[in-house]
C-alpha atoms as a PDB file:
ATOM      1  CA  MET A   1       0.436   0.151  -0.009  1.00  0.00           C
ATOM      2  CA  LYS A   2       3.031   2.777   0.523  1.00  0.00           C
ATOM      3  CA  LYS A   3       4.583   1.631  -2.249  1.00  0.00           C
ATOM      4  CA  ILE A   4       1.169   2.408  -4.666  1.00  0.00           C
ATOM      5  CA  SER A   5       1.149   5.606  -2.758  1.00  0.00           C
ATOM      6  CA  VAL A   6       4.887   6.607  -2.952  1.00  0.00           C
ATOM      7  CA  LYS A   7       4.746   5.821  -6.949  1.00  0.00           C
ATOM      8  CA  LEU A   8       1.360   8.597  -7.350  1.00  0.00           C
ATOM      9  CA  VAL A   9       3.110  11.298  -5.044  1.00  0.00           C
ATOM     10  CA  LEU A  10       6.067  11.239  -6.452  1.00  0.00           C
ATOM     11  CA  PRO A  11       5.377  12.102 -10.096  1.00  0.00           C
ATOM     12  CA  VAL A  12       2.702  14.666  -9.160  1.00  0.00           C
ATOM     13  CA  LEU A  13       5.325  16.637  -6.876  1.00  0.00           C
ATOM     14  CA  GLY A  14       7.488  16.514  -9.937  1.00  0.00           C
ATOM     15  CA  LEU A  15       5.228  17.904 -12.195  1.00  0.00           C
ATOM     16  CA  LEU A  16       3.911  20.516  -9.773  1.00  0.00           C
ATOM     17  CA  LEU A  17       7.979  21.363  -9.486  1.00  0.00           C
ATOM     18  CA  CYS A  18       8.981  21.628 -12.738  1.00  0.00           C
ATOM     19  CA  THR A  19       6.199  23.726 -14.604  1.00  0.00           C
ATOM     20  CA  LYS A  20       6.831  26.610 -16.097  1.00  0.00           C
ATOM     21  CA  ALA A  21       4.100  29.577 -16.801  1.00  0.00           C
ATOM     22  CA  VAL A  22       3.556  30.377 -19.846  1.00  0.00           C
ATOM     23  CA  SER A  23       1.362  33.409 -20.935  1.00  0.00           C
ATOM     24  CA  GLN A  24      -0.473  34.223 -24.454  1.00  0.00           C
ATOM     25  CA  GLU A  25       0.700  37.542 -25.978  1.00  0.00           C
ATOM     26  CA  ILE A  26      -1.972  39.840 -26.125  1.00  0.00           C
ATOM     27  CA  LYS A  27      -1.753  42.227 -29.201  1.00  0.00           C
ATOM     28  CA  SER A  28      -3.155  45.525 -29.585  1.00  0.00           C
ATOM     29  CA  THR A  29      -4.290  45.315 -33.239  1.00  0.00           C
ATOM     30  CA  GLU A  30      -5.843  41.753 -32.773  1.00  0.00           C
ATOM     31  CA  LEU A  31      -9.842  41.615 -32.152  1.00  0.00           C
ATOM     32  CA  TYR A  32     -10.524  39.078 -29.389  1.00  0.00           C
ATOM     33  CA  LYS A  33     -13.679  37.506 -28.576  1.00  0.00           C
ATOM     34  CA  ILE A  34     -14.489  37.504 -24.046  1.00  0.00           C
ATOM     35  CA  VAL A  35     -16.213  34.101 -23.399  1.00  0.00           C
ATOM     36  CA  SER A  36     -17.024  32.739 -20.326  1.00  0.00           C
ATOM     37  CA  PRO A  37     -16.295  29.281 -18.956  1.00  0.00           C
ATOM     38  CA  ALA A  38     -20.069  28.467 -19.683  1.00  0.00           C
ATOM     39  CA  GLY A  39     -19.496  29.605 -23.151  1.00  0.00           C
ATOM     40  CA  TRP A  40     -21.225  33.156 -22.902  1.00  0.00           C
ATOM     41  CA  VAL A  41     -20.407  35.776 -24.780  1.00  0.00           C
ATOM     42  CA  ILE A  42     -19.394  39.241 -23.396  1.00  0.00           C
ATOM     43  CA  ASP A  43     -21.474  41.594 -25.693  1.00  0.00           C
ATOM     44  CA  ASN A  44     -22.500  45.162 -26.740  1.00  0.00           C
ATOM     45  CA  ARG A  45     -24.941  44.833 -29.217  1.00  0.00           C
ATOM     46  CA  GLN A  46     -22.928  46.419 -32.039  1.00  0.00           C
ATOM     47  CA  SER A  47     -23.611  49.999 -30.099  1.00  0.00           C
ATOM     48  CA  MET A  48     -21.397  52.447 -31.329  1.00  0.00           C
ATOM     49  CA  GLN A  49     -21.755  54.788 -28.038  1.00  0.00           C
ATOM     50  CA  ASN A  50     -19.571  55.203 -25.375  1.00  0.00           C
ATOM     51  CA  GLU A  51     -20.775  53.518 -22.302  1.00  0.00           C
ATOM     52  CA  ALA A  52     -22.737  51.505 -23.937  1.00  0.00           C
ATOM     53  CA  GLY A  53     -24.077  48.858 -21.769  1.00  0.00           C
ATOM     54  CA  LEU A  54     -22.754  45.188 -21.558  1.00  0.00           C
ATOM     55  CA  PHE A  55     -24.608  42.195 -21.686  1.00  0.00           C
ATOM     56  CA  LEU A  56     -23.609  38.494 -21.891  1.00  0.00           C
ATOM     57  CA  ALA A  57     -24.775  36.877 -24.940  1.00  0.00           C
ATOM     58  CA  GLN A  58     -24.557  33.166 -26.374  1.00  0.00           C
ATOM     59  CA  ASP A  59     -21.566  33.106 -29.381  1.00  0.00           C
ATOM     60  CA  ASN A  60     -22.550  34.087 -32.593  1.00  0.00           C
ATOM     61  CA  ALA A  61     -19.406  34.039 -35.336  1.00  0.00           C
ATOM     62  CA  THR A  62     -21.287  37.013 -37.052  1.00  0.00           C
ATOM     63  CA  ASP A  63     -21.234  38.940 -34.228  1.00  0.00           C
ATOM     64  CA  GLU A  64     -18.590  41.944 -34.564  1.00  0.00           C
ATOM     65  CA  GLY A  65     -20.511  43.492 -31.067  1.00  0.00           C
ATOM     66  CA  GLN A  66     -18.632  40.148 -29.217  1.00  0.00           C
ATOM     67  CA  LEU A  67     -15.161  41.274 -30.975  1.00  0.00           C
ATOM     68  CA  TRP A  68     -13.008  43.192 -28.313  1.00  0.00           C
ATOM     69  CA  GLN A  69     -10.117  45.431 -29.229  1.00  0.00           C
ATOM     70  CA  ILE A  70      -7.509  45.177 -25.742  1.00  0.00           C
ATOM     71  CA  MET A  71      -5.539  48.213 -25.502  1.00  0.00           C
ATOM     72  CA  ILE A  72      -2.398  47.755 -23.492  1.00  0.00           C
END
């Protein structure tokens, strides 16, 4: 029983100690879609006004109101 637990613990510890953080580069020239874990996207209902309301909506591939430019 102890041998099995040691065989399971050592690989897990090895993975935790040897992982390196990787991040995605965000480009201000690209458009992004912000999607929740449940599949909802942030939508402004294609409003071109400043301070427009934000809504959660179902993903629509042709809706430009769901695309966002992230300025950094």
